[in-house]
Amino acid sequence: MKRMIKFLTFAFLIVSTTQITISQNVKKLYSDYLVGTWKLDSLEFGNYNLAPQYQEMIKQKLPEIMEKTEVTFTKDKRYFKKGIEGEKHGAWSISTDGKYVLVKLDGETKVEKTLIISLTNDRLILAPDDPTATNSKAYMYKVKK
């Protein structure tokens, strides 16, 4: 029985260590991939029930939103966003598990949490963590400079 307990404890430690290492590797890889400037390629809207007049407003504003939206993640973990609502500045990080981009805007106490659906060196798909958000996915591409 003692051998079995030792074996299970050892197996648990190996699995835990492996998961931590994988999470750290994903976090590092995503941090490297995220650095740069990203432009909005398209937005996917979910099943959120918007009044028809708001749906029409969004459709009319979408080209302007896509043209003006630009997000920059710097190597020193600074965050800059330009859009139709103006400019925002803050700090960014990747969550410990590598599943979220975390942004704390300057002057704010709340940390915005956005789900990473997919991230490569030149493509990014994000989804809001808020289930009541209008858009369900944002598709972005990295600007080549």
C-alpha atoms as a PDB file:
ATOM      1  CA  MET A   1       0.000   0.000   0.000  1.00  0.00           C
ATOM      2  CA  LYS A   2       2.866   2.393   0.843  1.00  0.00           C
ATOM      3  CA  ARG A   3       4.415   1.707  -2.561  1.00  0.00           C
ATOM      4  CA  MET A   4       1.129   2.514  -4.273  1.00  0.00           C
ATOM      5  CA  ILE A   5       0.806   5.831  -2.393  1.00  0.00           C
ATOM      6  CA  LYS A   6       4.419   6.741  -3.226  1.00  0.00           C
ATOM      7  CA  PHE A   7       3.845   5.831  -6.875  1.00  0.00           C
ATOM      8  CA  LEU A   8       0.636   7.887  -7.110  1.00  0.00           C
ATOM      9  CA  THR A   9       2.303  10.858  -5.396  1.00  0.00           C
ATOM     10  CA  PHE A  10       5.250  10.626  -7.787  1.00  0.00           C
ATOM     11  CA  ALA A  11       2.933  10.325 -10.805  1.00  0.00           C
ATOM     12  CA  PHE A  12       0.919  13.350  -9.634  1.00  0.00           C
ATOM     13  CA  LEU A  13       4.095  15.421  -9.266  1.00  0.00           C
ATOM     14  CA  ILE A  14       5.268  14.487 -12.759  1.00  0.00           C
ATOM     15  CA  VAL A  15       1.899  15.379 -14.310  1.00  0.00           C
ATOM     16  CA  SER A  16       1.723  18.667 -12.374  1.00  0.00           C
ATOM     17  CA  THR A  17       5.270  19.648 -13.332  1.00  0.00           C
ATOM     18  CA  THR A  18       4.605  18.792 -16.985  1.00  0.00           C
ATOM     19  CA  GLN A  19       1.424  20.896 -17.046  1.00  0.00           C
ATOM     20  CA  ILE A  20       3.216  23.860 -15.461  1.00  0.00           C
ATOM     21  CA  THR A  21       6.052  23.582 -17.991  1.00  0.00           C
ATOM     22  CA  ILE A  22       3.604  23.404 -20.916  1.00  0.00           C
ATOM     23  CA  SER A  23       1.684  26.453 -19.591  1.00  0.00           C
ATOM     24  CA  GLN A  24       4.928  28.402 -19.180  1.00  0.00           C
ATOM     25  CA  ASN A  25       6.007  27.487 -22.725  1.00  0.00           C
ATOM     26  CA  VAL A  26       2.634  28.557 -24.170  1.00  0.00           C
ATOM     27  CA  LYS A  27       2.740  31.801 -22.183  1.00  0.00           C
ATOM     28  CA  LYS A  28       6.265  32.574 -23.484  1.00  0.00           C
ATOM     29  CA  LEU A  29       5.372  31.658 -27.084  1.00  0.00           C
ATOM     30  CA  TYR A  30       2.165  33.725 -27.002  1.00  0.00           C
ATOM     31  CA  SER A  31       4.020  36.663 -25.460  1.00  0.00           C
ATOM     32  CA  ASP A  32       6.542  36.528 -28.307  1.00  0.00           C
ATOM     33  CA  TYR A  33       3.839  36.180 -30.994  1.00  0.00           C
ATOM     34  CA  LEU A  34       1.704  39.002 -29.577  1.00  0.00           C
ATOM     35  CA  VAL A  35       4.419  41.684 -29.737  1.00  0.00           C
ATOM     36  CA  GLY A  36       3.689  43.994 -32.647  1.00  0.00           C
ATOM     37  CA  THR A  37       0.863  45.996 -34.171  1.00  0.00           C
ATOM     38  CA  TRP A  38      -2.413  44.294 -35.061  1.00  0.00           C
ATOM     39  CA  LYS A  39      -5.214  45.500 -37.348  1.00  0.00           C
ATOM     40  CA  LEU A  40      -8.794  44.343 -37.274  1.00  0.00           C
ATOM     41  CA  ASP A  41      -9.615  42.069 -40.217  1.00  0.00           C
ATOM     42  CA  SER A  42     -13.214  41.216 -39.310  1.00  0.00           C
ATOM     43  CA  LEU A  43     -15.662  40.867 -36.451  1.00  0.00           C
ATOM     44  CA  GLU A  44     -18.025  38.005 -35.848  1.00  0.00           C
ATOM     45  CA  PHE A  45     -21.214  38.835 -34.022  1.00  0.00           C
ATOM     46  CA  GLY A  46     -22.799  36.351 -31.657  1.00  0.00           C
ATOM     47  CA  ASN A  47     -26.368  35.668 -30.701  1.00  0.00           C
ATOM     48  CA  TYR A  48     -26.583  38.722 -28.484  1.00  0.00           C
ATOM     49  CA  ASN A  49     -30.038  40.262 -28.968  1.00  0.00           C
ATOM     50  CA  LEU A  50     -29.539  43.806 -30.185  1.00  0.00           C
ATOM     51  CA  ALA A  51     -32.439  46.023 -31.097  1.00  0.00           C
ATOM     52  CA  PRO A  52     -32.749  46.329 -34.916  1.00  0.00           C
ATOM     53  CA  GLN A  53     -31.749  50.012 -34.925  1.00  0.00           C
ATOM     54  CA  TYR A  54     -28.475  49.129 -33.149  1.00  0.00           C
ATOM     55  CA  GLN A  55     -27.800  46.262 -35.539  1.00  0.00           C
ATOM     56  CA  GLU A  56     -28.114  48.725 -38.433  1.00  0.00           C
ATOM     57  CA  MET A  57     -25.823  51.248 -36.696  1.00  0.00           C
ATOM     58  CA  ILE A  58     -23.173  48.572 -36.201  1.00  0.00           C
ATOM     59  CA  LYS A  59     -23.393  47.504 -39.852  1.00  0.00           C
ATOM     60  CA  GLN A  60     -22.945  51.123 -40.949  1.00  0.00           C
ATOM     61  CA  LYS A  61     -20.023  51.757 -38.556  1.00  0.00           C
ATOM     62  CA  LEU A  62     -18.246  48.445 -39.208  1.00  0.00           C
ATOM     63  CA  PRO A  63     -16.027  49.679 -42.094  1.00  0.00           C
ATOM     64  CA  GLU A  64     -14.893  52.658 -39.995  1.00  0.00           C
ATOM     65  CA  ILE A  65     -14.332  50.448 -36.945  1.00  0.00           C
ATOM     66  CA  MET A  66     -12.220  48.048 -39.004  1.00  0.00           C
ATOM     67  CA  GLU A  67     -10.237  50.825 -40.659  1.00  0.00           C
ATOM     68  CA  LYS A  68      -9.427  52.694 -37.455  1.00  0.00           C
ATOM     69  CA  THR A  69      -8.874  49.841 -35.005  1.00  0.00           C
ATOM     70  CA  GLU A  70      -5.210  49.153 -34.327  1.00  0.00           C
ATOM     71  CA  VAL A  71      -3.705  47.484 -31.270  1.00  0.00           C
ATOM     72  CA  THR A  72      -0.022  47.459 -30.355  1.00  0.00           C
ATOM     73  CA  PHE A  73       1.603  45.165 -27.799  1.00  0.00           C
ATOM     74  CA  THR A  74       5.191  46.195 -27.070  1.00  0.00           C
ATOM     75  CA  LYS A  75       8.041  44.023 -25.845  1.00  0.00           C
ATOM     76  CA  ASP A  76       8.144  45.970 -22.587  1.00  0.00           C
ATOM     77  CA  LYS A  77       4.469  44.956 -21.966  1.00  0.00           C
ATOM     78  CA  ARG A  78       2.874  48.290 -22.903  1.00  0.00           C
ATOM     79  CA  TYR A  79      -0.507  48.295 -24.643  1.00  0.00           C
ATOM     80  CA  PHE A  80      -1.803  50.925 -27.087  1.00  0.00           C
ATOM     81  CA  LYS A  81      -5.175  50.846 -28.837  1.00  0.00           C
ATOM     82  CA  LYS A  82      -6.486  53.283 -31.445  1.00  0.00           C
ATOM     83  CA  GLY A  83     -10.072  53.172 -32.576  1.00  0.00           C
ATOM     84  CA  ILE A  84     -13.198  55.183 -33.225  1.00  0.00           C
ATOM     85  CA  GLU A  85     -13.516  55.728 -29.466  1.00  0.00           C
ATOM     86  CA  GLY A  86     -10.061  57.313 -29.291  1.00  0.00           C
ATOM     87  CA  GLU A  87      -6.816  56.016 -27.831  1.00  0.00           C
ATOM     88  CA  LYS A  88      -6.243  53.797 -24.817  1.00  0.00           C
ATOM     89  CA  HIS A  89      -2.972  52.975 -23.073  1.00  0.00           C
ATOM     90  CA  GLY A  90      -2.061  50.397 -20.501  1.00  0.00           C
ATOM     91  CA  ALA A  91      -0.074  47.286 -19.714  1.00  0.00           C
ATOM     92  CA  TRP A  92      -0.574  43.757 -21.007  1.00  0.00           C
ATOM     93  CA  SER A  93       0.331  40.199 -20.071  1.00  0.00           C
ATOM     94  CA  ILE A  94      -0.632  36.643 -20.888  1.00  0.00           C
ATOM     95  CA  SER A  95      -2.448  34.708 -18.174  1.00  0.00           C
ATOM     96  CA  THR A  96      -0.522  31.985 -16.362  1.00  0.00           C
ATOM     97  CA  ASP A  97      -2.448  29.270 -18.215  1.00  0.00           C
ATOM     98  CA  GLY A  98      -1.822  30.975 -21.584  1.00  0.00           C
ATOM     99  CA  LYS A  99      -5.542  31.254 -22.376  1.00  0.00           C
ATOM    100  CA  TYR A 100      -6.096  35.006 -21.981  1.00  0.00           C
ATOM    101  CA  VAL A 101      -4.630  38.378 -22.861  1.00  0.00           C
ATOM    102  CA  LEU A 102      -4.868  40.552 -19.751  1.00  0.00           C
ATOM    103  CA  VAL A 103      -4.929  44.336 -20.170  1.00  0.00           C
ATOM    104  CA  LYS A 104      -4.923  46.912 -17.396  1.00  0.00           C
ATOM    105  CA  LEU A 105      -5.641  50.344 -18.811  1.00  0.00           C
ATOM    106  CA  ASP A 106      -3.841  53.325 -17.315  1.00  0.00           C
ATOM    107  CA  GLY A 107      -5.947  54.886 -14.562  1.00  0.00           C
ATOM    108  CA  GLU A 108      -8.224  51.838 -14.259  1.00  0.00           C
ATOM    109  CA  THR A 109      -8.321  49.228 -11.512  1.00  0.00           C
ATOM    110  CA  LYS A 110     -10.099  46.481 -13.457  1.00  0.00           C
ATOM    111  CA  VAL A 111      -8.080  44.107 -15.630  1.00  0.00           C
ATOM    112  CA  GLU A 112      -9.720  43.304 -18.974  1.00  0.00           C
ATOM    113  CA  LYS A 113      -9.565  39.606 -19.789  1.00  0.00           C
ATOM    114  CA  THR A 114      -9.852  38.481 -23.431  1.00  0.00           C
ATOM    115  CA  LEU A 115      -9.857  34.826 -24.513  1.00  0.00           C
ATOM    116  CA  ILE A 116      -7.224  33.798 -27.051  1.00  0.00           C
ATOM    117  CA  ILE A 117      -8.974  31.543 -29.576  1.00  0.00           C
ATOM    118  CA  SER A 118      -5.930  31.310 -31.849  1.00  0.00           C
ATOM    119  CA  LEU A 119      -2.567  33.048 -32.043  1.00  0.00           C
ATOM    120  CA  THR A 120       0.242  32.646 -34.550  1.00  0.00           C
ATOM    121  CA  ASN A 121       3.024  35.024 -35.508  1.00  0.00           C
ATOM    122  CA  ASP A 122       0.741  36.864 -37.968  1.00  0.00           C
ATOM    123  CA  ARG A 123      -2.897  35.975 -37.089  1.00  0.00           C
ATOM    124  CA  LEU A 124      -4.900  36.532 -33.920  1.00  0.00           C
ATOM    125  CA  ILE A 125      -8.450  35.546 -33.000  1.00  0.00           C
ATOM    126  CA  LEU A 126      -9.830  36.883 -29.721  1.00  0.00           C
ATOM    127  CA  ALA A 127     -13.165  36.575 -27.937  1.00  0.00           C
ATOM    128  CA  PRO A 128     -14.429  38.742 -25.095  1.00  0.00           C
ATOM    129  CA  ASP A 129     -14.599  37.117 -21.676  1.00  0.00           C
ATOM    130  CA  ASP A 130     -17.922  38.926 -21.125  1.00  0.00           C
ATOM    131  CA  PRO A 131     -20.802  36.678 -22.304  1.00  0.00           C
ATOM    132  CA  THR A 132     -22.993  39.747 -22.948  1.00  0.00           C
ATOM    133  CA  ALA A 133     -20.521  41.377 -25.348  1.00  0.00           C
ATOM    134  CA  THR A 134     -21.875  42.233 -28.789  1.00  0.00           C
ATOM    135  CA  ASN A 135     -19.024  40.727 -30.773  1.00  0.00           C
ATOM    136  CA  SER A 136     -18.147  37.098 -30.236  1.00  0.00           C
ATOM    137  CA  LYS A 137     -14.818  37.036 -32.116  1.00  0.00           C
ATOM    138  CA  ALA A 138     -12.327  39.565 -33.456  1.00  0.00           C
ATOM    139  CA  TYR A 139     -10.032  38.442 -36.272  1.00  0.00           C
ATOM    140  CA  MET A 140      -6.783  40.389 -36.559  1.00  0.00           C
ATOM    141  CA  TYR A 141      -3.617  40.351 -38.640  1.00  0.00           C
ATOM    142  CA  LYS A 142      -0.154  41.612 -37.755  1.00  0.00           C
ATOM    143  CA  VAL A 143       1.009  44.729 -39.563  1.00  0.00           C
ATOM    144  CA  LYS A 144       4.353  44.201 -41.300  1.00  0.00           C
ATOM    145  CA  LYS A 145       6.690  47.132 -40.662  1.00  0.00           C
END
